[in-house]
Every structure is written in structure tokens, then in C-alpha cells.
Amino acid sequence: MLREDIRDINDLIRLVQQGEQNWLQYGHVQVRQHGDILMFNYTDAAESAGCWNAFERMSRGLMIHRQTGEVVARPFDKFFNWGVRTAPMLSWCASPKKWMVHWVFCIV
């Protein structure tokens, strides 16, 4: 079972600064180190499972300096093609010009 401790980039930076090394407990993410840079990428297992947590979605080419916690590179979070079952669903709010995002999780 995966831990849900990483809700946003600030949680991830905090764990990097604390020296966390067991990243698989948080999601299907591979972390490679190149010098002082940690490079985060979701794995094929994340694609197969289709149950994306916040850590997996943000781990799409993300690079963080291991000692300072500085974000060196932050591409867009994982995005989904229209109609993908595990993608966020869009629905209308009270105002038709605003969108609200609801995350859909797979049913096991």
C-alpha cells in the first residue's frame, strides 16, 4: 500500500531536504540522482495501475536539488488524453464560465 504523505510540491521538497530515499513507498516513481540533482519520473507501473496520486502526477521530469530543495526543473504535471477513464473529469460549476476538476480514482 502506498503512503499518501506527498500532497503537493512543498511536501516533496520537505522530504528531499530530510534526506528521504525510499520513494517507492509514496508511489510508482523512479528517482535518479545526477550529482546533487534528483530526477523524478513516474514508472510504467503507474501507467498500468492508472490510479494516479499527487506524487506520481507531479513526477514527470521534475528535478530538485538534493541539498537545498530548490526546484531546478518542473514540467507540467501528468496530463491525460480526453476520455481516459483515470483522468480528471470536468464538470460545470454554478457559473458556466468556470470549471471544477474532480479526480477519478480507479475501482479495484
Protein backbone atom coordinates (compact mmCIF):
# COMPACT_ATOMS: atom_id res chain seq x y z
CA MET A 1 0.00 0.00 0.00
CA LEU A 2 1.31 3.42 -0.93
CA ARG A 3 1.64 6.30 1.50
CA GLU A 4 -0.26 9.49 0.73
CA ASP A 5 2.14 11.85 2.54
CA ILE A 6 3.00 13.88 -0.59
CA ARG A 7 0.08 16.15 -1.43
CA ASP A 8 1.96 18.93 -3.21
CA ILE A 9 5.42 20.13 -4.25
CA ASN A 10 6.09 21.56 -0.78
CA ASP A 11 5.65 18.12 0.83
CA LEU A 12 8.07 16.67 -1.72
CA ILE A 13 10.66 19.40 -1.12
CA ARG A 14 10.41 18.81 2.63
CA LEU A 15 11.11 15.08 2.16
CA VAL A 16 14.04 15.80 -0.18
CA GLN A 17 15.56 18.14 2.42
CA GLN A 18 15.07 15.48 5.12
CA GLY A 19 17.09 13.03 3.01
CA GLU A 20 14.27 10.65 2.05
CA GLN A 21 15.49 7.78 -0.15
CA ASN A 22 12.67 5.22 -0.17
CA TRP A 23 10.48 6.95 -2.78
CA LEU A 24 8.59 3.83 -3.89
CA GLN A 25 6.59 3.93 -0.66
CA TYR A 26 4.92 7.11 -1.97
CA GLY A 27 4.09 5.98 -5.49
CA HIS A 28 5.27 4.37 -8.70
CA VAL A 29 8.11 6.83 -9.23
CA GLN A 30 11.72 6.29 -10.20
CA VAL A 31 14.23 8.73 -8.72
CA ARG A 32 17.66 9.03 -10.29
CA GLN A 33 20.49 11.09 -8.89
CA HIS A 34 22.91 13.04 -11.07
CA GLY A 35 25.33 14.89 -8.81
CA ASP A 36 23.18 16.89 -6.41
CA ILE A 37 20.11 16.76 -8.66
CA LEU A 38 17.28 14.28 -8.05
CA MET A 39 15.24 13.48 -11.17
CA PHE A 40 11.68 12.20 -10.61
CA ASN A 41 9.72 10.26 -13.25
CA TYR A 42 6.64 8.09 -12.90
CA THR A 43 7.11 4.48 -13.99
CA ASP A 44 5.28 2.14 -16.36
CA ALA A 45 3.67 0.65 -13.23
CA ALA A 46 1.93 4.00 -12.63
CA GLU A 47 0.58 3.90 -16.18
CA SER A 48 -0.58 0.30 -15.77
CA ALA A 49 -2.25 0.86 -12.41
CA GLY A 50 -4.00 4.00 -13.65
CA CYS A 51 -4.52 5.24 -10.07
CA TRP A 52 -2.57 8.47 -10.05
CA ASN A 53 -1.67 10.07 -6.73
CA ALA A 54 -0.30 13.62 -6.43
CA PHE A 55 3.33 12.44 -6.22
CA GLU A 56 3.04 10.37 -9.40
CA ARG A 57 1.30 13.18 -11.31
CA MET A 58 3.99 15.74 -10.43
CA SER A 59 6.86 13.31 -11.17
CA ARG A 60 7.06 13.95 -14.88
CA GLY A 61 10.62 15.15 -15.41
CA LEU A 62 10.74 17.01 -12.10
CA MET A 63 14.27 17.90 -10.91
CA ILE A 64 15.09 19.02 -7.37
CA HIS A 65 18.45 19.94 -5.84
CA ARG A 66 19.11 17.31 -3.18
CA GLN A 67 20.70 19.62 -0.60
CA THR A 68 18.80 22.89 -0.99
CA GLY A 69 15.38 21.60 -2.09
CA GLU A 70 15.41 24.10 -4.97
CA VAL A 71 13.23 23.07 -7.89
CA VAL A 72 15.60 23.01 -10.85
CA ALA A 73 13.03 21.93 -13.48
CA ARG A 74 9.29 21.47 -13.20
CA PRO A 75 7.43 20.46 -16.35
CA PHE A 76 3.66 20.26 -16.41
CA ASP A 77 2.17 17.59 -14.16
CA LYS A 78 0.97 14.41 -15.84
CA PHE A 79 -1.83 15.23 -18.24
CA PHE A 80 -4.38 12.91 -19.76
CA ASN A 81 -5.99 12.45 -23.15
CA TRP A 82 -9.69 13.22 -23.45
CA GLY A 83 -11.78 10.21 -22.47
CA VAL A 84 -9.14 8.39 -20.41
CA ARG A 85 -11.00 6.70 -17.55
CA THR A 86 -8.48 7.71 -14.87
CA ALA A 87 -8.24 11.33 -16.00
CA PRO A 88 -9.76 14.21 -14.05
CA MET A 89 -13.36 14.79 -15.05
CA LEU A 90 -14.57 18.30 -15.83
CA SER A 91 -17.98 19.45 -14.72
CA TRP A 92 -19.79 22.78 -14.67
CA CYS A 93 -19.86 24.91 -11.54
CA ALA A 94 -22.57 27.44 -10.72
CA SER A 95 -21.07 29.79 -13.30
CA PRO A 96 -20.86 28.22 -16.77
CA LYS A 97 -17.55 30.02 -17.38
CA LYS A 98 -15.75 28.24 -14.54
CA TRP A 99 -14.61 24.64 -14.46
CA MET A 100 -14.24 22.43 -11.45
CA VAL A 101 -11.89 19.46 -11.51
CA HIS A 102 -12.90 16.19 -9.84
CA TRP A 103 -10.27 13.47 -9.63
CA VAL A 104 -11.47 10.00 -10.59
CA PHE A 105 -9.74 7.03 -8.99
CA CYS A 106 -9.82 3.52 -10.37
CA ILE A 107 -12.13 0.98 -8.79
CA VAL A 108 -10.35 -2.14 -7.65
